[in-house]
Amino acid sequence: GQSLFRANGKALAMGEPEGLCKLIFRKDDNVLIGAHIMGV
């Protein structure tokens, strides 16, 4: 799943809209196994 910082209220208020959050879950049990983030 991915989300963009430009849709985050705090990031916009800070003047920091540039960013991406990408989360990776193992399919068989939905456990979080990776998180990759660029932004404030």
PDB file of all heavy atoms in Angstrom:
ATOM      1  N   GLY A   1       0.834  -1.194   0.000  1.00  0.00           N
ATOM      2  CA  GLY A   1       0.000   0.000   0.000  1.00  0.00           C
ATOM      3  C   GLY A   1       0.861   1.233   0.000  1.00  0.00           C
ATOM      4  O   GLY A   1       1.963   1.235   0.580  1.00  0.00           O
ATOM      5  N   GLN A   2       0.402   2.273  -0.664  1.00  0.00           N
ATOM      6  CA  GLN A   2       1.159   3.519  -0.755  1.00  0.00           C
ATOM      7  C   GLN A   2       0.281   4.710  -0.406  1.00  0.00           C
ATOM      8  O   GLN A   2      -0.926   4.702  -0.639  1.00  0.00           O
ATOM      9  CB  GLN A   2       1.714   3.699  -2.173  1.00  0.00           C
ATOM     10  CG  GLN A   2       2.712   2.636  -2.586  1.00  0.00           C
ATOM     11  CD  GLN A   2       3.333   2.917  -3.937  1.00  0.00           C
ATOM     12  OE1 GLN A   2       4.293   2.257  -4.342  1.00  0.00           O
ATOM     13  NE2 GLN A   2       2.795   3.877  -4.662  1.00  0.00           N
ATOM     14  N   SER A   3       0.915   5.729   0.159  1.00  0.00           N
ATOM     15  CA  SER A   3       0.234   6.996   0.403  1.00  0.00           C
ATOM     16  C   SER A   3       1.186   8.133   0.084  1.00  0.00           C
ATOM     17  O   SER A   3       2.406   7.978   0.162  1.00  0.00           O
ATOM     18  CB  SER A   3      -0.244   7.095   1.858  1.00  0.00           C
ATOM     19  OG  SER A   3       0.860   7.108   2.755  1.00  0.00           O
ATOM     20  N   LEU A   4       0.629   9.279  -0.275  1.00  0.00           N
ATOM     21  CA  LEU A   4       1.429  10.445  -0.642  1.00  0.00           C
ATOM     22  C   LEU A   4       1.376  11.496   0.464  1.00  0.00           C
ATOM     23  O   LEU A   4       0.332  11.717   1.082  1.00  0.00           O
ATOM     24  CB  LEU A   4       0.913  11.041  -1.948  1.00  0.00           C
ATOM     25  CG  LEU A   4       1.012  10.134  -3.182  1.00  0.00           C
ATOM     26  CD1 LEU A   4       0.321  10.793  -4.375  1.00  0.00           C
ATOM     27  CD2 LEU A   4       2.460   9.814  -3.510  1.00  0.00           C
ATOM     28  N   PHE A   5       2.512  12.134   0.697  1.00  0.00           N
ATOM     29  CA  PHE A   5       2.584  13.163   1.733  1.00  0.00           C
ATOM     30  C   PHE A   5       1.698  14.365   1.383  1.00  0.00           C
ATOM     31  O   PHE A   5       1.259  15.069   2.289  1.00  0.00           O
ATOM     32  CB  PHE A   5       4.035  13.604   1.931  1.00  0.00           C
ATOM     33  CG  PHE A   5       4.824  12.706   2.836  1.00  0.00           C
ATOM     34  CD1 PHE A   5       4.990  11.352   2.544  1.00  0.00           C
ATOM     35  CD2 PHE A   5       5.413  13.203   3.985  1.00  0.00           C
ATOM     36  CE1 PHE A   5       5.721  10.523   3.367  1.00  0.00           C
ATOM     37  CE2 PHE A   5       6.160  12.382   4.828  1.00  0.00           C
ATOM     38  CZ  PHE A   5       6.312  11.029   4.512  1.00  0.00           C
ATOM     39  N   ARG A   6       1.460  14.597   0.097  1.00  0.00           N
ATOM     40  CA  ARG A   6       0.661  15.763  -0.261  1.00  0.00           C
ATOM     41  C   ARG A   6      -0.799  15.625   0.163  1.00  0.00           C
ATOM     42  O   ARG A   6      -1.555  16.598   0.098  1.00  0.00           O
ATOM     43  CB  ARG A   6       0.751  16.027  -1.761  1.00  0.00           C
ATOM     44  CG  ARG A   6       0.178  14.966  -2.672  1.00  0.00           C
ATOM     45  CD  ARG A   6       0.122  15.468  -4.112  1.00  0.00           C
ATOM     46  NE  ARG A   6      -0.342  14.464  -5.043  1.00  0.00           N
ATOM     47  CZ  ARG A   6       0.439  13.739  -5.835  1.00  0.00           C
ATOM     48  NH1 ARG A   6       1.742  13.933  -5.807  1.00  0.00           N
ATOM     49  NH2 ARG A   6      -0.058  12.833  -6.648  1.00  0.00           N
ATOM     50  N   ALA A   7      -1.186  14.421   0.616  1.00  0.00           N
ATOM     51  CA  ALA A   7      -2.535  14.222   1.144  1.00  0.00           C
ATOM     52  C   ALA A   7      -2.559  14.254   2.667  1.00  0.00           C
ATOM     53  O   ALA A   7      -3.610  14.037   3.276  1.00  0.00           O
ATOM     54  CB  ALA A   7      -3.099  12.893   0.652  1.00  0.00           C
ATOM     55  N   ASN A   8      -1.408  14.530   3.282  1.00  0.00           N
ATOM     56  CA  ASN A   8      -1.301  14.562   4.741  1.00  0.00           C
ATOM     57  C   ASN A   8      -1.370  15.994   5.250  1.00  0.00           C
ATOM     58  O   ASN A   8      -0.586  16.859   4.840  1.00  0.00           O
ATOM     59  CB  ASN A   8       0.023  13.904   5.164  1.00  0.00           C
ATOM     60  CG  ASN A   8       0.240  13.920   6.667  1.00  0.00           C
ATOM     61  OD1 ASN A   8       0.801  14.866   7.207  1.00  0.00           O
ATOM     62  ND2 ASN A   8      -0.207  12.876   7.339  1.00  0.00           N
ATOM     63  N   GLY A   9      -2.303  16.266   6.152  1.00  0.00           N
ATOM     64  CA  GLY A   9      -2.532  17.629   6.634  1.00  0.00           C
ATOM     65  C   GLY A   9      -1.312  18.252   7.291  1.00  0.00           C
ATOM     66  O   GLY A   9      -0.989  19.416   7.038  1.00  0.00           O
ATOM     67  N   LYS A  10      -0.624  17.515   8.140  1.00  0.00           N
ATOM     68  CA  LYS A  10       0.540  18.060   8.840  1.00  0.00           C
ATOM     69  C   LYS A  10       1.660  18.381   7.854  1.00  0.00           C
ATOM     70  O   LYS A  10       2.308  19.437   7.957  1.00  0.00           O
ATOM     71  CB  LYS A  10       1.031  17.047   9.883  1.00  0.00           C
ATOM     72  CG  LYS A  10       2.275  17.476  10.663  1.00  0.00           C
ATOM     73  CD  LYS A  10       1.996  18.609  11.626  1.00  0.00           C
ATOM     74  CE  LYS A  10       3.218  18.994  12.453  1.00  0.00           C
ATOM     75  NZ  LYS A  10       3.645  17.915  13.370  1.00  0.00           N
ATOM     76  N   ALA A  11       1.917  17.486   6.888  1.00  0.00           N
ATOM     77  CA  ALA A  11       2.970  17.728   5.905  1.00  0.00           C
ATOM     78  C   ALA A  11       2.675  18.983   5.090  1.00  0.00           C
ATOM     79  O   ALA A  11       3.572  19.799   4.834  1.00  0.00           O
ATOM     80  CB  ALA A  11       3.119  16.519   4.979  1.00  0.00           C
ATOM     81  N   LEU A  12       1.415  19.153   4.689  1.00  0.00           N
ATOM     82  CA  LEU A  12       1.050  20.351   3.928  1.00  0.00           C
ATOM     83  C   LEU A  12       1.210  21.601   4.777  1.00  0.00           C
ATOM     84  O   LEU A  12       1.705  22.632   4.304  1.00  0.00           O
ATOM     85  CB  LEU A  12      -0.388  20.233   3.430  1.00  0.00           C
ATOM     86  CG  LEU A  12      -0.626  19.293   2.238  1.00  0.00           C
ATOM     87  CD1 LEU A  12      -2.111  19.236   1.907  1.00  0.00           C
ATOM     88  CD2 LEU A  12       0.166  19.751   1.028  1.00  0.00           C
ATOM     89  N   ALA A  13       0.788  21.542   6.046  1.00  0.00           N
ATOM     90  CA  ALA A  13       0.907  22.694   6.942  1.00  0.00           C
ATOM     91  C   ALA A  13       2.373  23.077   7.152  1.00  0.00           C
ATOM     92  O   ALA A  13       2.706  24.251   7.313  1.00  0.00           O
ATOM     93  CB  ALA A  13       0.248  22.386   8.285  1.00  0.00           C
ATOM     94  N   MET A  14       3.254  22.081   7.117  1.00  0.00           N
ATOM     95  CA  MET A  14       4.691  22.327   7.288  1.00  0.00           C
ATOM     96  C   MET A  14       5.345  22.817   6.000  1.00  0.00           C
ATOM     97  O   MET A  14       6.520  23.186   6.012  1.00  0.00           O
ATOM     98  CB  MET A  14       5.393  21.037   7.736  1.00  0.00           C
ATOM     99  CG  MET A  14       4.984  20.551   9.106  1.00  0.00           C
ATOM    100  SD  MET A  14       5.701  18.923   9.472  1.00  0.00           S
ATOM    101  CE  MET A  14       7.437  19.357   9.627  1.00  0.00           C
ATOM    102  N   GLY A  15       4.591  22.810   4.902  1.00  0.00           N
ATOM    103  CA  GLY A  15       5.174  23.181   3.616  1.00  0.00           C
ATOM    104  C   GLY A  15       6.066  22.090   3.066  1.00  0.00           C
ATOM    105  O   GLY A  15       7.012  22.359   2.326  1.00  0.00           O
ATOM    106  N   GLU A  16       5.766  20.823   3.425  1.00  0.00           N
ATOM    107  CA  GLU A  16       6.578  19.670   3.014  1.00  0.00           C
ATOM    108  C   GLU A  16       5.701  18.638   2.304  1.00  0.00           C
ATOM    109  O   GLU A  16       5.490  17.525   2.805  1.00  0.00           O
ATOM    110  CB  GLU A  16       7.235  19.023   4.243  1.00  0.00           C
ATOM    111  CG  GLU A  16       8.168  19.925   5.017  1.00  0.00           C
ATOM    112  CD  GLU A  16       9.510  20.109   4.341  1.00  0.00           C
ATOM    113  OE1 GLU A  16       9.727  19.470   3.286  1.00  0.00           O
ATOM    114  OE2 GLU A  16      10.336  20.868   4.858  1.00  0.00           O
ATOM    115  N   PRO A  17       5.167  18.965   1.128  1.00  0.00           N
ATOM    116  CA  PRO A  17       4.232  18.050   0.458  1.00  0.00           C
ATOM    117  C   PRO A  17       4.901  16.908  -0.305  1.00  0.00           C
ATOM    118  O   PRO A  17       4.218  15.971  -0.729  1.00  0.00           O
ATOM    119  CB  PRO A  17       3.500  18.977  -0.516  1.00  0.00           C
ATOM    120  CG  PRO A  17       4.544  19.996  -0.886  1.00  0.00           C
ATOM    121  CD  PRO A  17       5.342  20.225   0.378  1.00  0.00           C
ATOM    122  N   GLU A  18       6.215  16.977  -0.500  1.00  0.00           N
ATOM    123  CA  GLU A  18       6.905  15.976  -1.304  1.00  0.00           C
ATOM    124  C   GLU A  18       7.159  14.719  -0.486  1.00  0.00           C
ATOM    125  O   GLU A  18       7.822  14.761   0.539  1.00  0.00           O
ATOM    126  CB  GLU A  18       8.237  16.533  -1.810  1.00  0.00           C
ATOM    127  CG  GLU A  18       9.012  15.589  -2.714  1.00  0.00           C
ATOM    128  CD  GLU A  18       8.297  15.293  -4.018  1.00  0.00           C
ATOM    129  OE1 GLU A  18       7.867  16.260  -4.683  1.00  0.00           O
ATOM    130  OE2 GLU A  18       8.165  14.111  -4.358  1.00  0.00           O
ATOM    131  N   GLY A  19       6.618  13.585  -0.919  1.00  0.00           N
ATOM    132  CA  GLY A  19       6.915  12.356  -0.190  1.00  0.00           C
ATOM    133  C   GLY A  19       6.018  11.198  -0.536  1.00  0.00           C
ATOM    134  O   GLY A  19       4.917  11.357  -1.075  1.00  0.00           O
ATOM    135  N   LEU A  20       6.509  10.003  -0.207  1.00  0.00           N
ATOM    136  CA  LEU A  20       5.807   8.753  -0.470  1.00  0.00           C
ATOM    137  C   LEU A  20       6.054   7.795   0.683  1.00  0.00           C
ATOM    138  O   LEU A  20       7.171   7.671   1.174  1.00  0.00           O
ATOM    139  CB  LEU A  20       6.332   8.130  -1.771  1.00  0.00           C
ATOM    140  CG  LEU A  20       5.899   6.696  -2.091  1.00  0.00           C
ATOM    141  CD1 LEU A  20       4.426   6.659  -2.454  1.00  0.00           C
ATOM    142  CD2 LEU A  20       6.754   6.115  -3.222  1.00  0.00           C
ATOM    143  N   CYS A  21       4.996   7.102   1.109  1.00  0.00           N
ATOM    144  CA  CYS A  21       5.103   6.038   2.101  1.00  0.00           C
ATOM    145  C   CYS A  21       4.642   4.739   1.449  1.00  0.00           C
ATOM    146  O   CYS A  21       3.524   4.656   0.941  1.00  0.00           O
ATOM    147  CB  CYS A  21       4.246   6.339   3.334  1.00  0.00           C
ATOM    148  SG  CYS A  21       4.219   5.002   4.558  1.00  0.00           S
ATOM    149  N   LYS A  22       5.513   3.732   1.454  1.00  0.00           N
ATOM    150  CA  LYS A  22       5.202   2.448   0.831  1.00  0.00           C
ATOM    151  C   LYS A  22       5.388   1.345   1.868  1.00  0.00           C
ATOM    152  O   LYS A  22       6.471   1.179   2.431  1.00  0.00           O
ATOM    153  CB  LYS A  22       6.134   2.219  -0.368  1.00  0.00           C
ATOM    154  CG  LYS A  22       5.973   0.871  -1.052  1.00  0.00           C
ATOM    155  CD  LYS A  22       6.938   0.763  -2.227  1.00  0.00           C
ATOM    156  CE  LYS A  22       6.857  -0.570  -2.935  1.00  0.00           C
ATOM    157  NZ  LYS A  22       7.797  -0.647  -4.090  1.00  0.00           N
ATOM    158  N   LEU A  23       4.339   0.600   2.140  1.00  0.00           N
ATOM    159  CA  LEU A  23       4.376  -0.493   3.102  1.00  0.00           C
ATOM    160  C   LEU A  23       4.214  -1.828   2.383  1.00  0.00           C
ATOM    161  O   LEU A  23       3.448  -1.934   1.428  1.00  0.00           O
ATOM    162  CB  LEU A  23       3.273  -0.338   4.148  1.00  0.00           C
ATOM    163  CG  LEU A  23       3.263   0.953   4.958  1.00  0.00           C
ATOM    164  CD1 LEU A  23       2.146   0.904   5.989  1.00  0.00           C
ATOM    165  CD2 LEU A  23       4.600   1.199   5.639  1.00  0.00           C
ATOM    166  N   ILE A  24       4.939  -2.831   2.864  1.00  0.00           N
ATOM    167  CA  ILE A  24       4.903  -4.161   2.258  1.00  0.00           C
ATOM    168  C   ILE A  24       4.486  -5.181   3.316  1.00  0.00           C
ATOM    169  O   ILE A  24       5.077  -5.247   4.409  1.00  0.00           O
ATOM    170  CB  ILE A  24       6.274  -4.533   1.673  1.00  0.00           C
ATOM    171  CG1 ILE A  24       6.664  -3.547   0.571  1.00  0.00           C
ATOM    172  CG2 ILE A  24       6.264  -5.961   1.135  1.00  0.00           C
ATOM    173  CD1 ILE A  24       8.062  -3.751   0.028  1.00  0.00           C
ATOM    174  N   PHE A  25       3.459  -5.959   3.003  1.00  0.00           N
ATOM    175  CA  PHE A  25       2.947  -6.983   3.908  1.00  0.00           C
ATOM    176  C   PHE A  25       3.096  -8.362   3.255  1.00  0.00           C
ATOM    177  O   PHE A  25       2.882  -8.506   2.045  1.00  0.00           O
ATOM    178  CB  PHE A  25       1.469  -6.739   4.236  1.00  0.00           C
ATOM    179  CG  PHE A  25       1.215  -5.461   4.976  1.00  0.00           C
ATOM    180  CD1 PHE A  25       1.079  -4.255   4.285  1.00  0.00           C
ATOM    181  CD2 PHE A  25       1.116  -5.452   6.353  1.00  0.00           C
ATOM    182  CE1 PHE A  25       0.853  -3.071   4.963  1.00  0.00           C
ATOM    183  CE2 PHE A  25       0.890  -4.264   7.045  1.00  0.00           C
ATOM    184  CZ  PHE A  25       0.757  -3.072   6.353  1.00  0.00           C
ATOM    185  N   ARG A  26       3.446  -9.358   4.058  1.00  0.00           N
ATOM    186  CA  ARG A  26       3.509 -10.729   3.547  1.00  0.00           C
ATOM    187  C   ARG A  26       2.072 -11.198   3.278  1.00  0.00           C
ATOM    188  O   ARG A  26       1.195 -11.054   4.122  1.00  0.00           O
ATOM    189  CB  ARG A  26       4.198 -11.629   4.565  1.00  0.00           C
ATOM    190  CG  ARG A  26       4.638 -12.970   4.034  1.00  0.00           C
ATOM    191  CD  ARG A  26       5.632 -13.629   4.958  1.00  0.00           C
ATOM    192  NE  ARG A  26       5.186 -13.596   6.352  1.00  0.00           N
ATOM    193  CZ  ARG A  26       5.963 -13.276   7.376  1.00  0.00           C
ATOM    194  NH1 ARG A  26       7.232 -12.961   7.174  1.00  0.00           N
ATOM    195  NH2 ARG A  26       5.498 -13.268   8.612  1.00  0.00           N
ATOM    196  N   LYS A  27       1.848 -11.758   2.118  1.00  0.00           N
ATOM    197  CA  LYS A  27       0.483 -12.058   1.676  1.00  0.00           C
ATOM    198  C   LYS A  27      -0.194 -13.136   2.506  1.00  0.00           C
ATOM    199  O   LYS A  27      -1.388 -13.045   2.803  1.00  0.00           O
ATOM    200  CB  LYS A  27       0.493 -12.465   0.207  1.00  0.00           C
ATOM    201  CG  LYS A  27      -0.903 -12.561  -0.407  1.00  0.00           C
ATOM    202  CD  LYS A  27      -0.832 -12.782  -1.912  1.00  0.00           C
ATOM    203  CE  LYS A  27      -2.220 -12.782  -2.522  1.00  0.00           C
ATOM    204  NZ  LYS A  27      -2.174 -12.961  -4.000  1.00  0.00           N
ATOM    205  N   ASP A  28       0.572 -14.158   2.928  1.00  0.00           N
ATOM    206  CA  ASP A  28      -0.085 -15.286   3.581  1.00  0.00           C
ATOM    207  C   ASP A  28      -0.584 -14.987   4.990  1.00  0.00           C
ATOM    208  O   ASP A  28      -1.544 -15.593   5.456  1.00  0.00           O
ATOM    209  CB  ASP A  28       0.824 -16.517   3.588  1.00  0.00           C
ATOM    210  CG  ASP A  28       2.127 -16.293   4.345  1.00  0.00           C
ATOM    211  OD1 ASP A  28       2.345 -15.178   4.848  1.00  0.00           O
ATOM    212  OD2 ASP A  28       2.937 -17.242   4.425  1.00  0.00           O
ATOM    213  N   ASP A  29       0.056 -14.017   5.688  1.00  0.00           N
ATOM    214  CA  ASP A  29      -0.397 -13.719   7.050  1.00  0.00           C
ATOM    215  C   ASP A  29      -0.586 -12.228   7.311  1.00  0.00           C
ATOM    216  O   ASP A  29      -0.913 -11.832   8.432  1.00  0.00           O
ATOM    217  CB  ASP A  29       0.577 -14.296   8.079  1.00  0.00           C
ATOM    218  CG  ASP A  29       2.006 -13.790   7.908  1.00  0.00           C
ATOM    219  OD1 ASP A  29       2.233 -12.864   7.107  1.00  0.00           O
ATOM    220  OD2 ASP A  29       2.917 -14.335   8.586  1.00  0.00           O
ATOM    221  N   ASN A  30      -0.376 -11.382   6.275  1.00  0.00           N
ATOM    222  CA  ASN A  30      -0.570  -9.930   6.386  1.00  0.00           C
ATOM    223  C   ASN A  30       0.342  -9.255   7.411  1.00  0.00           C
ATOM    224  O   ASN A  30       0.031  -8.163   7.904  1.00  0.00           O
ATOM    225  CB  ASN A  30      -2.030  -9.602   6.722  1.00  0.00           C
ATOM    226  CG  ASN A  30      -2.932  -9.719   5.510  1.00  0.00           C
ATOM    227  OD1 ASN A  30      -2.550  -9.326   4.410  1.00  0.00           O
ATOM    228  ND2 ASN A  30      -4.125 -10.270   5.699  1.00  0.00           N
ATOM    229  N   VAL A  31       1.495  -9.863   7.729  1.00  0.00           N
ATOM    230  CA  VAL A  31       2.463  -9.254   8.646  1.00  0.00           C
ATOM    231  C   VAL A  31       3.282  -8.203   7.889  1.00  0.00           C
ATOM    232  O   VAL A  31       3.700  -8.428   6.751  1.00  0.00           O
ATOM    233  CB  VAL A  31       3.390 -10.324   9.253  1.00  0.00           C
ATOM    234  CG1 VAL A  31       4.569  -9.682   9.982  1.00  0.00           C
ATOM    235  CG2 VAL A  31       2.606 -11.210  10.209  1.00  0.00           C
ATOM    236  N   LEU A  32       3.513  -7.058   8.534  1.00  0.00           N
ATOM    237  CA  LEU A  32       4.334  -6.003   7.946  1.00  0.00           C
ATOM    238  C   LEU A  32       5.783  -6.468   7.870  1.00  0.00           C
ATOM    239  O   LEU A  32       6.378  -6.842   8.881  1.00  0.00           O
ATOM    240  CB  LEU A  32       4.247  -4.729   8.798  1.00  0.00           C
ATOM    241  CG  LEU A  32       5.077  -3.527   8.334  1.00  0.00           C
ATOM    242  CD1 LEU A  32       4.583  -3.004   6.988  1.00  0.00           C
ATOM    243  CD2 LEU A  32       5.033  -2.409   9.392  1.00  0.00           C
ATOM    244  N   ILE A  33       6.361  -6.467   6.663  1.00  0.00           N
ATOM    245  CA  ILE A  33       7.743  -6.927   6.504  1.00  0.00           C
ATOM    246  C   ILE A  33       8.653  -5.878   5.854  1.00  0.00           C
ATOM    247  O   ILE A  33       9.848  -6.093   5.717  1.00  0.00           O
ATOM    248  CB  ILE A  33       7.811  -8.228   5.684  1.00  0.00           C
ATOM    249  CG1 ILE A  33       7.206  -8.041   4.286  1.00  0.00           C
ATOM    250  CG2 ILE A  33       7.139  -9.367   6.436  1.00  0.00           C
ATOM    251  CD1 ILE A  33       7.407  -9.248   3.368  1.00  0.00           C
ATOM    252  N   GLY A  34       8.086  -4.734   5.462  1.00  0.00           N
ATOM    253  CA  GLY A  34       8.913  -3.690   4.865  1.00  0.00           C
ATOM    254  C   GLY A  34       8.222  -2.351   4.886  1.00  0.00           C
ATOM    255  O   GLY A  34       6.999  -2.269   4.687  1.00  0.00           O
ATOM    256  N   ALA A  35       8.988  -1.300   5.138  1.00  0.00           N
ATOM    257  CA  ALA A  35       8.455   0.066   5.107  1.00  0.00           C
ATOM    258  C   ALA A  35       9.494   0.959   4.446  1.00  0.00           C
ATOM    259  O   ALA A  35      10.675   0.939   4.822  1.00  0.00           O
ATOM    260  CB  ALA A  35       8.149   0.562   6.515  1.00  0.00           C
ATOM    261  N   HIS A  36       9.069   1.739   3.462  1.00  0.00           N
ATOM    262  CA  HIS A  36       9.976   2.557   2.657  1.00  0.00           C
ATOM    263  C   HIS A  36       9.344   3.929   2.475  1.00  0.00           C
ATOM    264  O   HIS A  36       8.263   4.047   1.901  1.00  0.00           O
ATOM    265  CB  HIS A  36      10.247   1.855   1.323  1.00  0.00           C
ATOM    266  CG  HIS A  36      10.673   0.434   1.526  1.00  0.00           C
ATOM    267  ND1 HIS A  36      11.960   0.098   1.851  1.00  0.00           N
ATOM    268  CD2 HIS A  36       9.958  -0.723   1.518  1.00  0.00           C
ATOM    269  CE1 HIS A  36      12.036  -1.209   2.022  1.00  0.00           C
ATOM    270  NE2 HIS A  36      10.831  -1.731   1.829  1.00  0.00           N
ATOM    271  N   ILE A  37      10.039   4.943   2.990  1.00  0.00           N
ATOM    272  CA  ILE A  37       9.425   6.258   3.131  1.00  0.00           C
ATOM    273  C   ILE A  37      10.373   7.349   2.663  1.00  0.00           C
ATOM    274  O   ILE A  37      11.561   7.340   2.995  1.00  0.00           O
ATOM    275  CB  ILE A  37       9.030   6.514   4.602  1.00  0.00           C
ATOM    276  CG1 ILE A  37       8.155   5.363   5.121  1.00  0.00           C
ATOM    277  CG2 ILE A  37       8.299   7.840   4.747  1.00  0.00           C
ATOM    278  CD1 ILE A  37       7.973   5.347   6.620  1.00  0.00           C
ATOM    279  N   MET A  38       9.854   8.295   1.891  1.00  0.00           N
ATOM    280  CA  MET A  38      10.579   9.501   1.538  1.00  0.00           C
ATOM    281  C   MET A  38       9.700  10.683   1.878  1.00  0.00           C
ATOM    282  O   MET A  38       8.545  10.748   1.457  1.00  0.00           O
ATOM    283  CB  MET A  38      10.915   9.547   0.047  1.00  0.00           C
ATOM    284  CG  MET A  38      11.827  10.718  -0.316  1.00  0.00           C
ATOM    285  SD  MET A  38      11.714  11.205  -2.061  1.00  0.00           S
ATOM    286  CE  MET A  38      10.242  12.233  -2.021  1.00  0.00           C
ATOM    287  N   GLY A  39      10.228  11.614   2.644  1.00  0.00           N
ATOM    288  CA  GLY A  39       9.453  12.785   3.023  1.00  0.00           C
ATOM    289  C   GLY A  39       9.893  13.300   4.373  1.00  0.00           C
ATOM    290  O   GLY A  39      10.781  12.738   5.029  1.00  0.00           O
ATOM    291  N   VAL A  40       9.269  14.372   4.822  1.00  0.00           N
ATOM    292  CA  VAL A  40       9.610  14.964   6.103  1.00  0.00           C
ATOM    293  C   VAL A  40       9.412  13.926   7.216  1.00  0.00           C
ATOM    294  O   VAL A  40       8.449  13.166   7.218  1.00  0.00           O
ATOM    295  CB  VAL A  40       8.752  16.230   6.368  1.00  0.00           C
ATOM    296  CG1 VAL A  40       7.271  15.900   6.456  1.00  0.00           C
ATOM    297  CG2 VAL A  40       9.230  16.961   7.616  1.00  0.00           C
TER     298      VAL A  40
END
